[in-house]
Amino acid sequence: MANRSKGGRGRSRKRRSAARAKAGAAVAGAGETLGEQQQESASSSSPAAAPPAGARRETGGRVRASDRRRSGAQSKPDGGYRAPGSVGERPHAPWHPFPLAELAILVGLIAVAIGAARGESGKALLLLGVGVVVLGTLDTTIREHLSGYRSHAGLLASVPTALMHGAIALGLYALGAPPVTWVLVPLAIDVPVFSVLVKLLRARFQDARRERVFAGRR
């Protein structure tokens, strides 16, 4: 009887220890599962991982370089108004900075206005004003064209063409030619003369422009 009681007690103790071990294992498994869930929730709610230090330095360097370029472009002076098709600095007149050409054009326009208002008695003043305006304009355009700053081939070619047209018309009038010839004959000569002058002036401007660009690169 005593042996049976001892054997029953031993088996009951073994059962209790096995039950306790199973309970401990279940508790440990639940703890590990809870820890993994907490880690997953923390990783999903946390912000994106920061890039490596080298990538941050490279990106920051690019941003700073772009900022410097932008600030430099904003702070760089534009140099004021520049005429379309011009290269370099506008050539100065021998009397620079006195605005002689601008004043001549202004005086000529005033003379044209007064002469036109006077009618027949103001023809001389009108023609004088036109001449002064033309001289003031040619002073600037010839200097800009010959220096390669800006091309004025069409304008410069039209002035001698117009003078030749007027001279031929007056000559025909003096010779007593029919009135229709006063217009047709000068026009027939104007076209080839104007074309030749424009071609020559453009070639001269191209040479001066190449010299100006070459001098600016040195």
N, C-alpha and C. Protein backbone atom coordinates (compact mmCIF):
# COMPACT_ATOMS: atom_id res chain seq x y z
N MET A 1 0.83 -1.21 0.00
CA MET A 1 0.00 0.00 0.00
C MET A 1 0.85 1.24 0.00
N ALA A 2 1.92 1.19 0.79
CA ALA A 2 2.81 2.36 0.90
C ALA A 2 3.47 2.63 -0.43
N ASN A 3 3.86 1.55 -1.17
CA ASN A 3 4.51 1.76 -2.48
C ASN A 3 3.54 2.37 -3.46
N ARG A 4 2.29 1.90 -3.41
CA ARG A 4 1.29 2.47 -4.32
C ARG A 4 1.07 3.96 -4.06
N SER A 5 1.02 4.30 -2.76
CA SER A 5 0.80 5.71 -2.45
C SER A 5 1.97 6.57 -2.90
N LYS A 6 3.21 6.01 -2.73
CA LYS A 6 4.38 6.76 -3.17
C LYS A 6 4.39 6.89 -4.69
N GLY A 7 4.04 5.83 -5.42
CA GLY A 7 4.00 5.91 -6.89
C GLY A 7 2.97 6.88 -7.39
N GLY A 8 1.80 6.92 -6.72
CA GLY A 8 0.75 7.87 -7.14
C GLY A 8 1.19 9.30 -6.92
N ARG A 9 1.84 9.52 -5.79
CA ARG A 9 2.31 10.88 -5.52
C ARG A 9 3.36 11.31 -6.55
N GLY A 10 4.27 10.37 -6.94
CA GLY A 10 5.30 10.72 -7.92
C GLY A 10 4.71 11.06 -9.27
N ARG A 11 3.70 10.24 -9.66
CA ARG A 11 3.09 10.53 -10.97
C ARG A 11 2.34 11.85 -10.95
N SER A 12 1.71 12.16 -9.82
CA SER A 12 0.99 13.43 -9.74
C SER A 12 1.94 14.61 -9.79
N ARG A 13 3.12 14.43 -9.17
CA ARG A 13 4.11 15.53 -9.22
C ARG A 13 4.61 15.73 -10.66
N LYS A 14 4.87 14.63 -11.37
CA LYS A 14 5.31 14.75 -12.74
C LYS A 14 4.27 15.42 -13.61
N ARG A 15 3.02 15.08 -13.39
CA ARG A 15 1.95 15.72 -14.18
C ARG A 15 1.89 17.23 -13.91
N ARG A 16 2.04 17.57 -12.63
CA ARG A 16 2.00 19.01 -12.29
C ARG A 16 3.16 19.77 -12.93
N SER A 17 4.39 19.18 -12.88
CA SER A 17 5.54 19.86 -13.47
C SER A 17 5.39 19.99 -14.99
N ALA A 18 4.82 18.93 -15.63
CA ALA A 18 4.61 19.01 -17.09
C ALA A 18 3.58 20.07 -17.43
N ALA A 19 2.52 20.18 -16.60
CA ALA A 19 1.51 21.21 -16.84
C ALA A 19 2.09 22.60 -16.67
N ARG A 20 2.92 22.73 -15.61
CA ARG A 20 3.56 24.04 -15.40
C ARG A 20 4.48 24.40 -16.57
N ALA A 21 5.24 23.43 -17.10
CA ALA A 21 6.13 23.70 -18.23
C ALA A 21 5.34 24.13 -19.48
N LYS A 22 4.21 23.42 -19.71
CA LYS A 22 3.37 23.80 -20.86
C LYS A 22 2.81 25.21 -20.70
N ALA A 23 2.39 25.54 -19.48
CA ALA A 23 1.85 26.88 -19.25
C ALA A 23 2.93 27.95 -19.45
N GLY A 24 4.15 27.66 -18.97
CA GLY A 24 5.25 28.62 -19.17
C GLY A 24 5.58 28.82 -20.64
N ALA A 25 5.58 27.70 -21.39
CA ALA A 25 5.86 27.81 -22.82
C ALA A 25 4.78 28.61 -23.55
N ALA A 26 3.53 28.41 -23.13
CA ALA A 26 2.44 29.18 -23.76
C ALA A 26 2.57 30.66 -23.46
N VAL A 27 2.93 30.98 -22.19
CA VAL A 27 3.10 32.40 -21.83
C VAL A 27 4.25 33.01 -22.59
N ALA A 28 5.38 32.28 -22.75
CA ALA A 28 6.53 32.81 -23.49
C ALA A 28 6.18 33.05 -24.96
N GLY A 29 5.43 32.09 -25.56
CA GLY A 29 5.03 32.27 -26.95
C GLY A 29 4.13 33.47 -27.14
N ALA A 30 3.21 33.67 -26.20
CA ALA A 30 2.33 34.84 -26.30
C ALA A 30 3.13 36.13 -26.17
N GLY A 31 4.15 36.11 -25.28
CA GLY A 31 4.97 37.32 -25.13
C GLY A 31 5.75 37.64 -26.39
N GLU A 32 6.31 36.59 -27.04
CA GLU A 32 7.04 36.83 -28.28
C GLU A 32 6.12 37.36 -29.38
N THR A 33 4.92 36.78 -29.47
CA THR A 33 3.97 37.28 -30.49
C THR A 33 3.59 38.73 -30.25
N LEU A 34 3.35 39.07 -28.97
CA LEU A 34 3.02 40.46 -28.64
C LEU A 34 4.17 41.40 -28.96
N GLY A 35 5.42 40.97 -28.70
CA GLY A 35 6.58 41.80 -29.01
C GLY A 35 6.72 42.04 -30.50
N GLU A 36 6.49 40.97 -31.30
CA GLU A 36 6.59 41.15 -32.76
C GLU A 36 5.52 42.09 -33.27
N GLN A 37 4.30 41.97 -32.72
CA GLN A 37 3.23 42.89 -33.14
C GLN A 37 3.59 44.34 -32.79
N GLN A 38 4.15 44.56 -31.63
CA GLN A 38 4.53 45.93 -31.24
C GLN A 38 5.61 46.47 -32.15
N GLN A 39 6.59 45.63 -32.51
CA GLN A 39 7.65 46.08 -33.41
C GLN A 39 7.10 46.43 -34.78
N GLU A 40 6.17 45.60 -35.29
CA GLU A 40 5.59 45.89 -36.60
C GLU A 40 4.79 47.19 -36.58
N SER A 41 4.00 47.39 -35.51
CA SER A 41 3.23 48.63 -35.43
C SER A 41 4.13 49.84 -35.30
N ALA A 42 5.23 49.70 -34.55
CA ALA A 42 6.15 50.83 -34.40
C ALA A 42 6.84 51.16 -35.71
N SER A 43 7.24 50.11 -36.47
CA SER A 43 7.90 50.37 -37.75
C SER A 43 6.95 50.97 -38.77
N SER A 44 5.66 50.56 -38.74
CA SER A 44 4.69 51.13 -39.68
C SER A 44 4.34 52.55 -39.34
N SER A 45 4.31 52.92 -38.08
CA SER A 45 3.96 54.28 -37.68
C SER A 45 5.14 55.22 -37.68
N SER A 46 6.38 54.72 -37.66
CA SER A 46 7.56 55.58 -37.64
C SER A 46 7.81 56.13 -39.02
N PRO A 47 8.50 57.31 -39.17
CA PRO A 47 8.81 57.88 -40.49
C PRO A 47 9.80 57.03 -41.23
N ALA A 48 9.96 57.32 -42.54
CA ALA A 48 10.85 56.55 -43.40
C ALA A 48 12.28 56.66 -42.89
N ALA A 49 13.02 55.63 -43.16
CA ALA A 49 14.40 55.59 -42.69
C ALA A 49 15.21 56.69 -43.35
N ALA A 50 16.08 57.31 -42.58
CA ALA A 50 16.89 58.40 -43.11
C ALA A 50 17.92 57.86 -44.07
N PRO A 51 18.22 58.60 -45.14
CA PRO A 51 19.23 58.13 -46.09
C PRO A 51 20.61 58.12 -45.46
N PRO A 52 21.53 57.43 -46.05
CA PRO A 52 22.89 57.41 -45.51
C PRO A 52 23.50 58.80 -45.46
N ALA A 53 24.54 58.91 -44.63
CA ALA A 53 25.17 60.23 -44.44
C ALA A 53 25.77 60.74 -45.74
N GLY A 54 26.39 59.85 -46.54
CA GLY A 54 26.99 60.29 -47.80
C GLY A 54 25.96 60.82 -48.77
N ALA A 55 24.78 60.14 -48.82
CA ALA A 55 23.71 60.62 -49.71
C ALA A 55 23.20 61.96 -49.25
N ARG A 56 23.09 62.14 -47.92
CA ARG A 56 22.62 63.44 -47.42
C ARG A 56 23.60 64.54 -47.77
N ARG A 57 24.89 64.28 -47.63
CA ARG A 57 25.87 65.31 -47.96
C ARG A 57 25.86 65.64 -49.45
N GLU A 58 25.72 64.59 -50.29
CA GLU A 58 25.68 64.85 -51.74
C GLU A 58 24.46 65.65 -52.12
N THR A 59 23.28 65.28 -51.57
CA THR A 59 22.06 66.02 -51.87
C THR A 59 22.14 67.46 -51.37
N GLY A 60 22.67 67.63 -50.16
CA GLY A 60 22.81 68.98 -49.63
C GLY A 60 23.75 69.83 -50.46
N GLY A 61 24.84 69.20 -50.98
CA GLY A 61 25.76 69.95 -51.83
C GLY A 61 25.11 70.40 -53.12
N ARG A 62 24.27 69.50 -53.71
CA ARG A 62 23.57 69.89 -54.94
C ARG A 62 22.60 71.02 -54.68
N VAL A 63 21.87 70.95 -53.58
CA VAL A 63 20.91 72.00 -53.27
C VAL A 63 21.62 73.33 -53.04
N ARG A 64 22.76 73.29 -52.30
CA ARG A 64 23.47 74.54 -52.07
C ARG A 64 24.04 75.11 -53.36
N ALA A 65 24.53 74.24 -54.25
CA ALA A 65 25.04 74.72 -55.53
C ALA A 65 23.95 75.37 -56.37
N SER A 66 22.76 74.73 -56.40
CA SER A 66 21.65 75.32 -57.16
C SER A 66 21.21 76.63 -56.55
N ASP A 67 21.21 76.72 -55.22
CA ASP A 67 20.85 77.97 -54.58
C ASP A 67 21.85 79.07 -54.90
N ARG A 68 23.14 78.71 -54.94
CA ARG A 68 24.14 79.73 -55.27
C ARG A 68 23.97 80.21 -56.70
N ARG A 69 23.68 79.26 -57.62
CA ARG A 69 23.47 79.69 -59.00
C ARG A 69 22.27 80.60 -59.12
N ARG A 70 21.18 80.25 -58.42
CA ARG A 70 20.00 81.10 -58.48
C ARG A 70 20.26 82.47 -57.90
N SER A 71 20.91 82.52 -56.74
CA SER A 71 21.19 83.81 -56.13
C SER A 71 22.14 84.63 -56.97
N GLY A 72 23.12 83.94 -57.62
CA GLY A 72 24.04 84.67 -58.48
C GLY A 72 23.33 85.24 -59.70
N ALA A 73 22.39 84.45 -60.26
CA ALA A 73 21.65 84.96 -61.41
C ALA A 73 20.75 86.11 -61.03
N GLN A 74 20.20 86.09 -59.81
CA GLN A 74 19.34 87.18 -59.39
C GLN A 74 20.13 88.44 -59.05
N SER A 75 21.32 88.26 -58.46
CA SER A 75 22.10 89.42 -58.06
C SER A 75 22.94 90.00 -59.18
N LYS A 76 23.12 89.25 -60.30
CA LYS A 76 23.93 89.74 -61.40
C LYS A 76 23.22 90.87 -62.11
N PRO A 77 23.83 92.02 -62.28
CA PRO A 77 23.16 93.12 -62.96
C PRO A 77 22.97 92.82 -64.43
N ASP A 78 21.86 93.28 -64.98
CA ASP A 78 21.55 93.00 -66.37
C ASP A 78 22.20 93.99 -67.32
N GLY A 79 22.82 95.04 -66.83
CA GLY A 79 23.51 95.98 -67.69
C GLY A 79 22.59 96.94 -68.41
N GLY A 80 21.32 97.00 -68.07
CA GLY A 80 20.39 97.91 -68.70
C GLY A 80 19.86 97.38 -70.01
N TYR A 81 19.25 98.25 -70.81
CA TYR A 81 18.63 97.84 -72.07
C TYR A 81 19.69 97.54 -73.10
N ARG A 82 19.50 96.45 -73.83
CA ARG A 82 20.39 96.08 -74.92
C ARG A 82 19.55 95.93 -76.18
N ALA A 83 19.98 96.62 -77.25
CA ALA A 83 19.23 96.58 -78.50
C ALA A 83 19.28 95.19 -79.10
N PRO A 84 18.19 94.72 -79.72
CA PRO A 84 18.18 93.39 -80.34
C PRO A 84 19.23 93.28 -81.45
N GLY A 85 19.94 92.18 -81.49
CA GLY A 85 20.96 91.96 -82.51
C GLY A 85 22.28 92.63 -82.23
N SER A 86 22.44 93.24 -81.07
CA SER A 86 23.68 93.94 -80.75
C SER A 86 24.64 93.00 -80.03
N VAL A 87 25.93 93.30 -80.13
CA VAL A 87 26.98 92.53 -79.49
C VAL A 87 27.96 93.50 -78.84
N GLY A 88 28.24 93.26 -77.57
CA GLY A 88 29.21 94.10 -76.87
C GLY A 88 28.63 95.42 -76.43
N GLU A 89 29.52 96.39 -76.27
CA GLU A 89 29.14 97.71 -75.78
C GLU A 89 28.90 98.66 -76.94
N ARG A 90 27.93 99.54 -76.78
CA ARG A 90 27.61 100.50 -77.84
C ARG A 90 28.80 101.44 -78.06
N PRO A 91 29.18 101.66 -79.32
CA PRO A 91 30.32 102.56 -79.59
C PRO A 91 29.97 104.01 -79.24
N HIS A 92 30.92 104.71 -78.63
CA HIS A 92 30.70 106.09 -78.22
C HIS A 92 31.18 107.06 -79.30
N ALA A 93 30.51 108.20 -79.36
CA ALA A 93 30.91 109.25 -80.29
C ALA A 93 32.13 109.99 -79.75
N PRO A 94 32.84 110.70 -80.59
CA PRO A 94 34.00 111.46 -80.11
C PRO A 94 33.63 112.50 -79.05
N TRP A 95 32.39 113.00 -79.09
CA TRP A 95 31.95 114.01 -78.11
C TRP A 95 31.19 113.40 -76.92
N HIS A 96 31.31 112.09 -76.77
CA HIS A 96 30.68 111.43 -75.61
C HIS A 96 31.23 112.01 -74.32
N PRO A 97 30.41 112.28 -73.29
CA PRO A 97 29.01 111.90 -73.11
C PRO A 97 27.99 112.97 -73.52
N PHE A 98 28.41 113.99 -74.26
CA PHE A 98 27.46 115.00 -74.68
C PHE A 98 26.52 114.42 -75.74
N PRO A 99 25.20 114.47 -75.56
CA PRO A 99 24.25 113.83 -76.49
C PRO A 99 23.97 114.70 -77.70
N LEU A 100 24.96 114.85 -78.56
CA LEU A 100 24.80 115.73 -79.71
C LEU A 100 23.79 115.17 -80.70
N ALA A 101 23.88 113.88 -81.01
CA ALA A 101 22.96 113.29 -81.99
C ALA A 101 21.53 113.34 -81.49
N GLU A 102 21.31 113.05 -80.22
CA GLU A 102 19.95 113.10 -79.67
C GLU A 102 19.38 114.51 -79.70
N LEU A 103 20.21 115.49 -79.39
CA LEU A 103 19.75 116.88 -79.43
C LEU A 103 19.45 117.32 -80.87
N ALA A 104 20.27 116.86 -81.82
CA ALA A 104 20.03 117.21 -83.22
C ALA A 104 18.69 116.64 -83.70
N ILE A 105 18.41 115.41 -83.32
CA ILE A 105 17.13 114.81 -83.72
C ILE A 105 15.96 115.56 -83.08
N LEU A 106 16.11 115.94 -81.82
CA LEU A 106 15.04 116.68 -81.15
C LEU A 106 14.80 118.04 -81.80
N VAL A 107 15.88 118.77 -82.08
CA VAL A 107 15.73 120.08 -82.74
C VAL A 107 15.14 119.91 -84.13
N GLY A 108 15.56 118.87 -84.85
CA GLY A 108 15.01 118.66 -86.18
C GLY A 108 13.53 118.35 -86.15
N LEU A 109 13.09 117.56 -85.19
CA LEU A 109 11.65 117.27 -85.08
C LEU A 109 10.85 118.52 -84.75
N ILE A 110 11.40 119.37 -83.90
CA ILE A 110 10.70 120.63 -83.58
C ILE A 110 10.60 121.51 -84.82
N ALA A 111 11.69 121.57 -85.61
CA ALA A 111 11.66 122.36 -86.84
C ALA A 111 10.66 121.79 -87.85
N VAL A 112 10.58 120.47 -87.93
CA VAL A 112 9.61 119.85 -88.85
C VAL A 112 8.19 120.21 -88.42
N ALA A 113 7.91 120.16 -87.15
CA ALA A 113 6.56 120.47 -86.66
C ALA A 113 6.22 121.94 -86.92
N ILE A 114 7.15 122.84 -86.68
CA ILE A 114 6.87 124.27 -86.91
C ILE A 114 6.72 124.56 -88.40
N GLY A 115 7.60 123.95 -89.21
CA GLY A 115 7.50 124.18 -90.65
C GLY A 115 6.21 123.64 -91.24
N ALA A 116 5.77 122.48 -90.76
CA ALA A 116 4.51 121.93 -91.25
C ALA A 116 3.32 122.78 -90.83
N ALA A 117 3.41 123.40 -89.64
CA ALA A 117 2.31 124.25 -89.17
C ALA A 117 2.23 125.56 -89.95
N ARG A 118 3.33 126.05 -90.47
CA ARG A 118 3.33 127.32 -91.19
C ARG A 118 2.84 127.18 -92.63
N GLY A 119 2.82 126.00 -93.17
CA GLY A 119 2.32 125.81 -94.53
C GLY A 119 3.36 126.21 -95.57
N GLU A 120 2.96 127.04 -96.53
CA GLU A 120 3.84 127.44 -97.63
C GLU A 120 5.06 128.20 -97.12
N SER A 121 4.88 129.04 -96.15
CA SER A 121 6.01 129.82 -95.65
C SER A 121 6.99 129.01 -94.82
N GLY A 122 6.62 127.80 -94.45
CA GLY A 122 7.49 127.00 -93.61
C GLY A 122 8.16 125.83 -94.32
N LYS A 123 8.15 125.85 -95.66
CA LYS A 123 8.78 124.75 -96.40
C LYS A 123 10.28 124.68 -96.14
N ALA A 124 10.93 125.82 -96.14
CA ALA A 124 12.38 125.82 -95.92
C ALA A 124 12.71 125.25 -94.54
N LEU A 125 11.96 125.68 -93.54
CA LEU A 125 12.19 125.17 -92.18
C LEU A 125 11.87 123.68 -92.10
N LEU A 126 10.86 123.25 -92.83
CA LEU A 126 10.51 121.83 -92.84
C LEU A 126 11.64 120.98 -93.43
N LEU A 127 12.16 121.42 -94.57
CA LEU A 127 13.26 120.68 -95.19
C LEU A 127 14.51 120.70 -94.33
N LEU A 128 14.76 121.84 -93.69
CA LEU A 128 15.91 121.92 -92.79
C LEU A 128 15.76 120.96 -91.61
N GLY A 129 14.58 120.89 -91.05
CA GLY A 129 14.34 119.97 -89.94
C GLY A 129 14.52 118.51 -90.35
N VAL A 130 14.02 118.16 -91.55
CA VAL A 130 14.20 116.79 -92.04
C VAL A 130 15.68 116.47 -92.21
N GLY A 131 16.44 117.42 -92.74
CA GLY A 131 17.87 117.21 -92.91
C GLY A 131 18.61 117.02 -91.59
N VAL A 132 18.23 117.81 -90.59
CA VAL A 132 18.88 117.67 -89.28
C VAL A 132 18.56 116.33 -88.64
N VAL A 133 17.32 115.88 -88.77
CA VAL A 133 16.93 114.57 -88.22
C VAL A 133 17.70 113.45 -88.92
N VAL A 134 17.84 113.55 -90.23
CA VAL A 134 18.57 112.52 -90.97
C VAL A 134 20.04 112.49 -90.55
N LEU A 135 20.64 113.67 -90.39
CA LEU A 135 22.05 113.72 -89.97
C LEU A 135 22.25 113.13 -88.57
N GLY A 136 21.34 113.48 -87.66
CA GLY A 136 21.45 112.93 -86.31
C GLY A 136 21.28 111.42 -86.28
N THR A 137 20.38 110.92 -87.13
CA THR A 137 20.18 109.47 -87.19
C THR A 137 21.36 108.76 -87.83
N LEU A 138 21.89 109.33 -88.90
CA LEU A 138 23.04 108.71 -89.56
C LEU A 138 24.27 108.70 -88.68
N ASP A 139 24.41 109.71 -87.86
CA ASP A 139 25.57 109.75 -86.97
C ASP A 139 25.63 108.51 -86.07
N THR A 140 24.49 108.08 -85.59
CA THR A 140 24.45 106.91 -84.70
C THR A 140 24.49 105.61 -85.48
N THR A 141 23.71 105.52 -86.56
CA THR A 141 23.61 104.27 -87.29
C THR A 141 24.92 103.91 -88.00
N ILE A 142 25.60 104.89 -88.56
CA ILE A 142 26.87 104.59 -89.23
C ILE A 142 27.91 104.09 -88.24
N ARG A 143 27.98 104.72 -87.08
CA ARG A 143 28.95 104.30 -86.07
C ARG A 143 28.65 102.88 -85.58
N GLU A 144 27.39 102.58 -85.33
CA GLU A 144 27.03 101.24 -84.86
C GLU A 144 27.27 100.18 -85.94
N HIS A 145 26.98 100.54 -87.20
CA HIS A 145 27.14 99.57 -88.28
C HIS A 145 28.60 99.26 -88.56
N LEU A 146 29.42 100.29 -88.69
CA LEU A 146 30.82 100.09 -89.04
C LEU A 146 31.63 99.47 -87.90
N SER A 147 31.14 99.59 -86.68
CA SER A 147 31.85 98.98 -85.55
C SER A 147 31.41 97.54 -85.28
N GLY A 148 30.38 97.05 -86.00
CA GLY A 148 29.90 95.70 -85.78
C GLY A 148 28.97 95.56 -84.59
N TYR A 149 28.50 96.67 -84.04
CA TYR A 149 27.61 96.60 -82.88
C TYR A 149 26.21 96.16 -83.28
N ARG A 150 25.67 96.77 -84.32
CA ARG A 150 24.32 96.45 -84.78
C ARG A 150 24.21 96.81 -86.25
N SER A 151 23.51 95.98 -87.04
CA SER A 151 23.42 96.18 -88.47
C SER A 151 22.32 97.19 -88.81
N HIS A 152 22.64 98.12 -89.69
CA HIS A 152 21.68 99.10 -90.24
C HIS A 152 21.82 99.16 -91.76
N ALA A 153 22.01 98.01 -92.38
CA ALA A 153 22.28 97.98 -93.81
C ALA A 153 21.12 98.54 -94.62
N GLY A 154 19.91 98.17 -94.28
CA GLY A 154 18.76 98.66 -95.03
C GLY A 154 18.59 100.17 -94.93
N LEU A 155 18.73 100.71 -93.71
CA LEU A 155 18.58 102.16 -93.52
C LEU A 155 19.69 102.93 -94.22
N LEU A 156 20.93 102.46 -94.09
CA LEU A 156 22.05 103.16 -94.71
C LEU A 156 22.00 103.07 -96.23
N ALA A 157 21.47 101.97 -96.75
CA ALA A 157 21.37 101.86 -98.21
C ALA A 157 20.22 102.70 -98.77
N SER A 158 19.21 102.93 -97.97
CA SER A 158 18.07 103.71 -98.47
C SER A 158 18.38 105.19 -98.62
N VAL A 159 19.31 105.73 -97.83
CA VAL A 159 19.61 107.16 -97.91
C VAL A 159 20.25 107.53 -99.25
N PRO A 160 21.34 106.90 -99.68
CA PRO A 160 21.87 107.27 -101.01
C PRO A 160 20.92 106.90 -102.15
N THR A 161 20.14 105.85 -101.95
CA THR A 161 19.17 105.49 -102.99
C THR A 161 18.12 106.59 -103.15
N ALA A 162 17.65 107.12 -102.02
CA ALA A 162 16.65 108.20 -102.08
C ALA A 162 17.26 109.47 -102.68
N LEU A 163 18.50 109.78 -102.33
CA LEU A 163 19.14 110.96 -102.91
C LEU A 163 19.32 110.81 -104.42
N MET A 164 19.70 109.62 -104.86
CA MET A 164 19.86 109.39 -106.30
C MET A 164 18.50 109.45 -107.00
N HIS A 165 17.47 108.92 -106.34
CA HIS A 165 16.13 108.99 -106.92
C HIS A 165 15.70 110.44 -107.13
N GLY A 166 15.91 111.25 -106.11
CA GLY A 166 15.53 112.66 -106.24
C GLY A 166 16.34 113.39 -107.30
N ALA A 167 17.63 113.08 -107.40
CA ALA A 167 18.47 113.75 -108.39
C ALA A 167 18.03 113.37 -109.81
N ILE A 168 17.72 112.12 -110.04
CA ILE A 168 17.28 111.69 -111.38
C ILE A 168 15.93 112.32 -111.71
N ALA A 169 15.03 112.37 -110.74
CA ALA A 169 13.71 112.97 -111.01
C ALA A 169 13.84 114.45 -111.33
N LEU A 170 14.68 115.17 -110.59
CA LEU A 170 14.89 116.59 -110.88
C LEU A 170 15.55 116.80 -112.25
N GLY A 171 16.48 115.89 -112.60
CA GLY A 171 17.12 116.02 -113.92
C GLY A 171 16.11 115.80 -115.04
N LEU A 172 15.23 114.82 -114.89
CA LEU A 172 14.21 114.59 -115.91
C LEU A 172 13.24 115.77 -115.99
N TYR A 173 12.93 116.34 -114.86
CA TYR A 173 12.05 117.51 -114.84
C TYR A 173 12.71 118.69 -115.56
N ALA A 174 13.99 118.87 -115.30
CA ALA A 174 14.70 119.97 -115.95
C ALA A 174 14.83 119.76 -117.46
N LEU A 175 14.92 118.54 -117.88
CA LEU A 175 15.02 118.24 -119.31
C LEU A 175 13.67 118.28 -120.01
N GLY A 176 12.59 118.43 -119.29
CA GLY A 176 11.26 118.51 -119.89
C GLY A 176 10.68 117.16 -120.24
N ALA A 177 11.12 116.11 -119.54
CA ALA A 177 10.59 114.77 -119.80
C ALA A 177 9.16 114.66 -119.31
N PRO A 178 8.39 113.71 -119.83
CA PRO A 178 7.01 113.52 -119.37
C PRO A 178 6.96 113.22 -117.86
N PRO A 179 5.91 113.64 -117.20
CA PRO A 179 5.83 113.42 -115.74
C PRO A 179 5.91 111.96 -115.33
N VAL A 180 5.40 111.04 -116.16
CA VAL A 180 5.42 109.64 -115.78
C VAL A 180 6.85 109.13 -115.64
N THR A 181 7.77 109.71 -116.41
CA THR A 181 9.16 109.26 -116.33
C THR A 181 9.83 109.73 -115.04
N TRP A 182 9.30 110.74 -114.41
CA TRP A 182 9.90 111.22 -113.17
C TRP A 182 9.85 110.14 -112.07
N VAL A 183 8.90 109.24 -112.20
CA VAL A 183 8.71 108.19 -111.19
C VAL A 183 9.25 106.84 -111.68
N LEU A 184 8.92 106.47 -112.92
CA LEU A 184 9.27 105.13 -113.40
C LEU A 184 10.78 104.96 -113.60
N VAL A 185 11.40 105.95 -114.20
CA VAL A 185 12.84 105.81 -114.46
C VAL A 185 13.65 105.73 -113.17
N PRO A 186 13.42 106.62 -112.19
CA PRO A 186 14.17 106.47 -110.93
C PRO A 186 13.89 105.15 -110.22
N LEU A 187 12.64 104.66 -110.28
CA LEU A 187 12.34 103.38 -109.63
C LEU A 187 13.08 102.22 -110.30
N ALA A 188 13.20 102.26 -111.61
CA ALA A 188 13.91 101.20 -112.32
C ALA A 188 15.38 101.17 -111.93
N ILE A 189 15.93 102.30 -111.53
CA ILE A 189 17.33 102.36 -111.12
C ILE A 189 17.48 102.11 -109.62
N ASP A 190 16.45 102.44 -108.85
CA ASP A 190 16.54 102.31 -107.39
C ASP A 190 16.72 100.86 -106.95
N VAL A 191 16.02 99.94 -107.58
CA VAL A 191 16.04 98.54 -107.13
C VAL A 191 17.43 97.93 -107.21
N PRO A 192 18.12 97.97 -108.35
CA PRO A 192 19.47 97.38 -108.38
C PRO A 192 20.47 98.12 -107.51
N VAL A 193 20.36 99.45 -107.46
CA VAL A 193 21.29 100.22 -106.63
C VAL A 193 21.11 99.87 -105.16
N PHE A 194 19.87 99.80 -104.72
CA PHE A 194 19.60 99.46 -103.32
C PHE A 194 20.10 98.05 -102.99
N SER A 195 19.88 97.12 -103.90
CA SER A 195 20.32 95.73 -103.64
C SER A 195 21.84 95.64 -103.52
N VAL A 196 22.55 96.32 -104.39
CA VAL A 196 24.02 96.29 -104.35
C VAL A 196 24.52 96.94 -103.07
N LEU A 197 23.94 98.06 -102.68
CA LEU A 197 24.38 98.74 -101.47
C LEU A 197 24.13 97.89 -100.22
N VAL A 198 22.97 97.25 -100.16
CA VAL A 198 22.67 96.40 -99.01
C VAL A 198 23.66 95.25 -98.92
N LYS A 199 23.99 94.64 -100.04
CA LYS A 199 24.94 93.53 -100.04
C LYS A 199 26.31 93.99 -99.56
N LEU A 200 26.78 95.12 -100.04
CA LEU A 200 28.08 95.62 -99.62
C LEU A 200 28.10 96.00 -98.14
N LEU A 201 27.03 96.65 -97.70
CA LEU A 201 26.98 97.06 -96.29
C LEU A 201 26.90 95.85 -95.37
N ARG A 202 26.19 94.82 -95.75
CA ARG A 202 26.11 93.62 -94.92
C ARG A 202 27.47 92.93 -94.83
N ALA A 203 28.19 92.88 -95.95
CA ALA A 203 29.53 92.28 -95.91
C ALA A 203 30.45 93.08 -95.00
N ARG A 204 30.35 94.39 -95.06
CA ARG A 204 31.19 95.23 -94.18
C ARG A 204 30.82 95.03 -92.71
N PHE A 205 29.54 94.89 -92.46
CA PHE A 205 29.11 94.66 -91.07
C PHE A 205 29.58 93.30 -90.56
N GLN A 206 29.50 92.28 -91.38
CA GLN A 206 29.94 90.95 -90.95
C GLN A 206 31.43 90.95 -90.59
N ASP A 207 32.22 91.65 -91.37
CA ASP A 207 33.65 91.75 -91.03
C ASP A 207 33.86 92.45 -89.70
N ALA A 208 33.15 93.56 -89.50
CA ALA A 208 33.29 94.28 -88.24
C ALA A 208 32.75 93.47 -87.07
N ARG A 209 31.69 92.70 -87.28
CA ARG A 209 31.14 91.87 -86.20
C ARG A 209 32.12 90.77 -85.81
N ARG A 210 32.77 90.15 -86.78
CA ARG A 210 33.76 89.12 -86.45
C ARG A 210 34.93 89.71 -85.68
N GLU A 211 35.36 90.88 -86.06
CA GLU A 211 36.44 91.54 -85.31
C GLU A 211 36.01 91.87 -83.88
N ARG A 212 34.78 92.30 -83.72
CA ARG A 212 34.29 92.64 -82.38
C ARG A 212 34.17 91.39 -81.51
N VAL A 213 33.64 90.31 -82.06
CA VAL A 213 33.50 89.08 -81.28
C VAL A 213 34.87 88.51 -80.94
N PHE A 214 35.82 88.54 -81.87
CA PHE A 214 37.15 88.03 -81.61
C PHE A 214 37.85 88.86 -80.53
N ALA A 215 37.66 90.18 -80.58
CA ALA A 215 38.28 91.04 -79.57
C ALA A 215 37.67 90.80 -78.20
N GLY A 216 36.37 90.47 -78.15
CA GLY A 216 35.74 90.20 -76.87
C GLY A 216 36.16 88.89 -76.25
N ARG A 217 36.62 87.92 -77.04
CA ARG A 217 37.04 86.62 -76.52
C ARG A 217 38.47 86.64 -75.98
N ARG A 218 39.26 87.62 -76.37
CA ARG A 218 40.64 87.66 -75.92
C ARG A 218 40.74 88.13 -74.47
